[in-house]
Amino acid sequence: MNITQTTQAGTLESNDILVTLKPNPEGTIEIHLQSVVLKQFGKQIKAIILSTLQNHGITSCLCECEDKGALDHVIIARVESAIQRQL
């Protein structure tokens, strides 16, 4: 499934993440991450986002995320919420 419209979930509050999904004309999944813990957990956060998108059948989107120290389950919930708003 491709993302066809822009959707968002989350906030910029402490311990949360703002996830924005947009259509990607390239036809791939691209993840752009800004995080206060990028050096320590950037790879893990991107892997969680990618696996969540793939588990929901997303094959093409531009995912822009601004993380403020969210835990793994919060990241998954925000990505899933953004996907559901697409439907």
N, C-alpha and C. Protein backbone atom coordinates (compact mmCIF):
# COMPACT_ATOMS: atom_id res chain seq x y z
N MET A 1 0.85 -1.17 0.00
CA MET A 1 0.00 0.00 0.00
C MET A 1 0.90 1.24 0.00
N ASN A 2 0.50 2.23 -0.75
CA ASN A 2 1.21 3.50 -0.80
C ASN A 2 0.45 4.54 0.00
N ILE A 3 1.18 5.44 0.63
CA ILE A 3 0.56 6.57 1.31
C ILE A 3 0.17 7.58 0.24
N THR A 4 -1.09 8.02 0.23
CA THR A 4 -1.57 8.91 -0.82
C THR A 4 -1.89 10.32 -0.34
N GLN A 5 -1.93 10.51 0.98
CA GLN A 5 -2.19 11.84 1.53
C GLN A 5 -1.36 12.02 2.79
N THR A 6 -1.14 13.26 3.17
CA THR A 6 -0.34 13.56 4.34
C THR A 6 -1.15 13.36 5.62
N THR A 7 -0.57 12.62 6.57
CA THR A 7 -1.21 12.41 7.86
C THR A 7 -0.18 12.60 8.97
N GLN A 8 -0.66 12.92 10.16
CA GLN A 8 0.21 13.12 11.32
C GLN A 8 -0.36 12.45 12.55
N ALA A 9 0.54 12.10 13.46
CA ALA A 9 0.13 11.60 14.77
C ALA A 9 1.23 11.96 15.76
N GLY A 10 0.83 12.27 16.98
CA GLY A 10 1.79 12.58 18.03
C GLY A 10 1.90 14.06 18.31
N THR A 11 2.83 14.40 19.22
CA THR A 11 3.05 15.78 19.62
C THR A 11 4.55 16.03 19.76
N LEU A 12 4.88 17.26 20.06
CA LEU A 12 6.28 17.61 20.31
C LEU A 12 6.56 17.75 21.81
N GLU A 13 5.70 17.14 22.61
CA GLU A 13 5.90 17.14 24.06
C GLU A 13 7.03 16.19 24.43
N SER A 14 7.56 16.36 25.61
CA SER A 14 8.60 15.47 26.10
C SER A 14 8.10 14.03 26.14
N ASN A 15 8.96 13.09 25.78
CA ASN A 15 8.66 11.65 25.75
C ASN A 15 7.61 11.27 24.72
N ASP A 16 7.49 12.04 23.66
CA ASP A 16 6.56 11.73 22.57
C ASP A 16 7.31 11.87 21.25
N ILE A 17 6.62 11.58 20.16
CA ILE A 17 7.19 11.69 18.83
C ILE A 17 6.10 12.19 17.88
N LEU A 18 6.45 13.09 16.99
CA LEU A 18 5.53 13.57 15.97
C LEU A 18 5.88 12.85 14.67
N VAL A 19 4.94 12.06 14.17
CA VAL A 19 5.14 11.28 12.95
C VAL A 19 4.30 11.88 11.84
N THR A 20 4.92 12.19 10.71
CA THR A 20 4.22 12.70 9.54
C THR A 20 4.48 11.75 8.38
N LEU A 21 3.41 11.22 7.80
CA LEU A 21 3.52 10.36 6.63
C LEU A 21 3.06 11.13 5.40
N LYS A 22 3.87 11.08 4.34
CA LYS A 22 3.57 11.78 3.10
C LYS A 22 3.75 10.84 1.92
N PRO A 23 3.10 11.13 0.79
CA PRO A 23 3.35 10.33 -0.41
C PRO A 23 4.80 10.49 -0.85
N ASN A 24 5.37 9.43 -1.36
CA ASN A 24 6.75 9.47 -1.86
C ASN A 24 6.75 9.13 -3.35
N PRO A 25 7.04 10.10 -4.22
CA PRO A 25 7.05 9.83 -5.66
C PRO A 25 8.13 8.84 -6.07
N GLU A 26 9.12 8.61 -5.21
CA GLU A 26 10.20 7.66 -5.50
C GLU A 26 9.70 6.21 -5.44
N GLY A 27 8.58 5.98 -4.74
CA GLY A 27 8.02 4.63 -4.64
C GLY A 27 8.70 3.77 -3.59
N THR A 28 9.42 4.39 -2.65
CA THR A 28 10.10 3.65 -1.59
C THR A 28 9.72 4.24 -0.23
N ILE A 29 10.20 3.59 0.81
CA ILE A 29 10.02 4.11 2.16
C ILE A 29 11.28 4.90 2.52
N GLU A 30 11.10 6.16 2.85
CA GLU A 30 12.20 7.01 3.31
C GLU A 30 11.85 7.51 4.70
N ILE A 31 12.80 7.41 5.61
CA ILE A 31 12.59 7.85 6.98
C ILE A 31 13.58 8.97 7.29
N HIS A 32 13.04 10.12 7.67
CA HIS A 32 13.86 11.26 8.10
C HIS A 32 13.57 11.46 9.58
N LEU A 33 14.62 11.33 10.40
CA LEU A 33 14.44 11.36 11.84
C LEU A 33 15.27 12.47 12.47
N GLN A 34 14.60 13.26 13.30
CA GLN A 34 15.27 14.21 14.18
C GLN A 34 14.96 13.74 15.59
N SER A 35 15.99 13.65 16.41
CA SER A 35 15.77 13.12 17.75
C SER A 35 16.77 13.70 18.73
N VAL A 36 16.32 13.87 19.97
CA VAL A 36 17.22 14.31 21.03
C VAL A 36 18.17 13.18 21.44
N VAL A 37 17.87 11.96 21.05
CA VAL A 37 18.70 10.81 21.37
C VAL A 37 19.17 10.10 20.09
N LEU A 38 19.38 10.86 19.04
CA LEU A 38 19.73 10.28 17.73
C LEU A 38 21.01 9.47 17.79
N LYS A 39 22.04 9.98 18.44
CA LYS A 39 23.32 9.26 18.48
C LYS A 39 23.21 7.93 19.22
N GLN A 40 22.43 7.89 20.28
CA GLN A 40 22.33 6.67 21.07
C GLN A 40 21.34 5.67 20.47
N PHE A 41 20.19 6.15 19.99
CA PHE A 41 19.10 5.24 19.62
C PHE A 41 18.57 5.44 18.20
N GLY A 42 19.24 6.23 17.37
CA GLY A 42 18.74 6.53 16.04
C GLY A 42 18.47 5.30 15.19
N LYS A 43 19.41 4.35 15.18
CA LYS A 43 19.23 3.13 14.38
C LYS A 43 18.04 2.31 14.87
N GLN A 44 17.89 2.21 16.18
CA GLN A 44 16.78 1.44 16.74
C GLN A 44 15.44 2.10 16.44
N ILE A 45 15.37 3.42 16.56
CA ILE A 45 14.12 4.13 16.28
C ILE A 45 13.73 3.94 14.81
N LYS A 46 14.69 4.10 13.90
CA LYS A 46 14.40 3.90 12.47
C LYS A 46 13.96 2.48 12.18
N ALA A 47 14.58 1.49 12.84
CA ALA A 47 14.20 0.10 12.63
C ALA A 47 12.77 -0.16 13.11
N ILE A 48 12.40 0.44 14.24
CA ILE A 48 11.03 0.28 14.75
C ILE A 48 10.02 0.90 13.79
N ILE A 49 10.33 2.09 13.30
CA ILE A 49 9.44 2.77 12.36
C ILE A 49 9.29 1.95 11.09
N LEU A 50 10.42 1.49 10.53
CA LEU A 50 10.38 0.71 9.30
C LEU A 50 9.60 -0.59 9.48
N SER A 51 9.85 -1.31 10.56
CA SER A 51 9.14 -2.58 10.76
C SER A 51 7.64 -2.36 10.96
N THR A 52 7.26 -1.28 11.63
CA THR A 52 5.84 -0.98 11.81
C THR A 52 5.18 -0.67 10.48
N LEU A 53 5.83 0.13 9.66
CA LEU A 53 5.29 0.45 8.33
C LEU A 53 5.14 -0.83 7.50
N GLN A 54 6.17 -1.66 7.49
CA GLN A 54 6.13 -2.90 6.70
C GLN A 54 5.08 -3.87 7.22
N ASN A 55 4.93 -3.95 8.54
CA ASN A 55 3.91 -4.84 9.13
C ASN A 55 2.49 -4.44 8.72
N HIS A 56 2.31 -3.18 8.38
CA HIS A 56 1.00 -2.70 7.94
C HIS A 56 0.89 -2.63 6.42
N GLY A 57 1.85 -3.20 5.73
CA GLY A 57 1.79 -3.30 4.28
C GLY A 57 2.15 -2.03 3.53
N ILE A 58 2.78 -1.09 4.18
CA ILE A 58 3.18 0.16 3.52
C ILE A 58 4.44 -0.11 2.71
N THR A 59 4.42 0.24 1.43
CA THR A 59 5.57 0.02 0.56
C THR A 59 6.17 1.31 0.04
N SER A 60 5.43 2.42 0.18
CA SER A 60 5.92 3.70 -0.32
C SER A 60 5.41 4.83 0.55
N CYS A 61 6.34 5.57 1.16
CA CYS A 61 5.97 6.77 1.91
C CYS A 61 7.22 7.53 2.31
N LEU A 62 7.02 8.78 2.60
CA LEU A 62 8.06 9.61 3.19
C LEU A 62 7.64 9.82 4.63
N CYS A 63 8.43 9.33 5.56
CA CYS A 63 8.11 9.39 6.97
C CYS A 63 9.04 10.38 7.64
N GLU A 64 8.48 11.48 8.12
CA GLU A 64 9.27 12.49 8.82
C GLU A 64 8.90 12.42 10.30
N CYS A 65 9.91 12.24 11.15
CA CYS A 65 9.67 12.06 12.58
C CYS A 65 10.52 13.02 13.38
N GLU A 66 9.90 13.62 14.38
CA GLU A 66 10.62 14.46 15.32
C GLU A 66 10.40 13.88 16.71
N ASP A 67 11.45 13.25 17.23
CA ASP A 67 11.37 12.50 18.47
C ASP A 67 11.85 13.34 19.65
N LYS A 68 11.13 13.24 20.74
CA LYS A 68 11.50 13.92 21.98
C LYS A 68 11.73 12.91 23.10
N GLY A 69 12.28 11.75 22.75
CA GLY A 69 12.59 10.74 23.75
C GLY A 69 11.50 9.71 23.96
N ALA A 70 10.72 9.42 22.93
CA ALA A 70 9.61 8.47 23.05
C ALA A 70 10.13 7.05 23.23
N LEU A 71 9.41 6.28 24.02
CA LEU A 71 9.71 4.86 24.18
C LEU A 71 9.21 4.08 22.97
N ASP A 72 9.69 2.85 22.82
CA ASP A 72 9.37 2.05 21.64
C ASP A 72 7.87 1.90 21.40
N HIS A 73 7.11 1.59 22.45
CA HIS A 73 5.68 1.37 22.27
C HIS A 73 4.95 2.66 21.85
N VAL A 74 5.47 3.81 22.25
CA VAL A 74 4.88 5.08 21.84
C VAL A 74 5.16 5.32 20.36
N ILE A 75 6.37 5.01 19.92
CA ILE A 75 6.74 5.17 18.51
C ILE A 75 5.83 4.31 17.64
N ILE A 76 5.65 3.06 18.02
CA ILE A 76 4.79 2.15 17.27
C ILE A 76 3.36 2.68 17.22
N ALA A 77 2.84 3.14 18.35
CA ALA A 77 1.47 3.65 18.41
C ALA A 77 1.29 4.87 17.52
N ARG A 78 2.26 5.76 17.50
CA ARG A 78 2.15 6.97 16.66
C ARG A 78 2.21 6.63 15.19
N VAL A 79 3.07 5.72 14.80
CA VAL A 79 3.14 5.31 13.39
C VAL A 79 1.83 4.63 12.98
N GLU A 80 1.32 3.75 13.83
CA GLU A 80 0.06 3.07 13.53
C GLU A 80 -1.09 4.07 13.43
N SER A 81 -1.11 5.07 14.30
CA SER A 81 -2.17 6.08 14.26
C SER A 81 -2.11 6.88 12.96
N ALA A 82 -0.92 7.24 12.54
CA ALA A 82 -0.78 7.97 11.27
C ALA A 82 -1.23 7.13 10.09
N ILE A 83 -0.94 5.83 10.12
CA ILE A 83 -1.39 4.93 9.06
C ILE A 83 -2.92 4.85 9.05
N GLN A 84 -3.53 4.68 10.22
CA GLN A 84 -4.98 4.59 10.30
C GLN A 84 -5.68 5.85 9.82
N ARG A 85 -5.08 6.98 10.04
CA ARG A 85 -5.68 8.24 9.57
C ARG A 85 -5.64 8.33 8.04
N GLN A 86 -4.76 7.56 7.45
CA GLN A 86 -4.66 7.50 5.99
C GLN A 86 -5.87 6.77 5.39
N LEU A 87 -6.37 5.78 6.12
CA LEU A 87 -7.44 4.91 5.58
C LEU A 87 -8.79 5.56 5.57
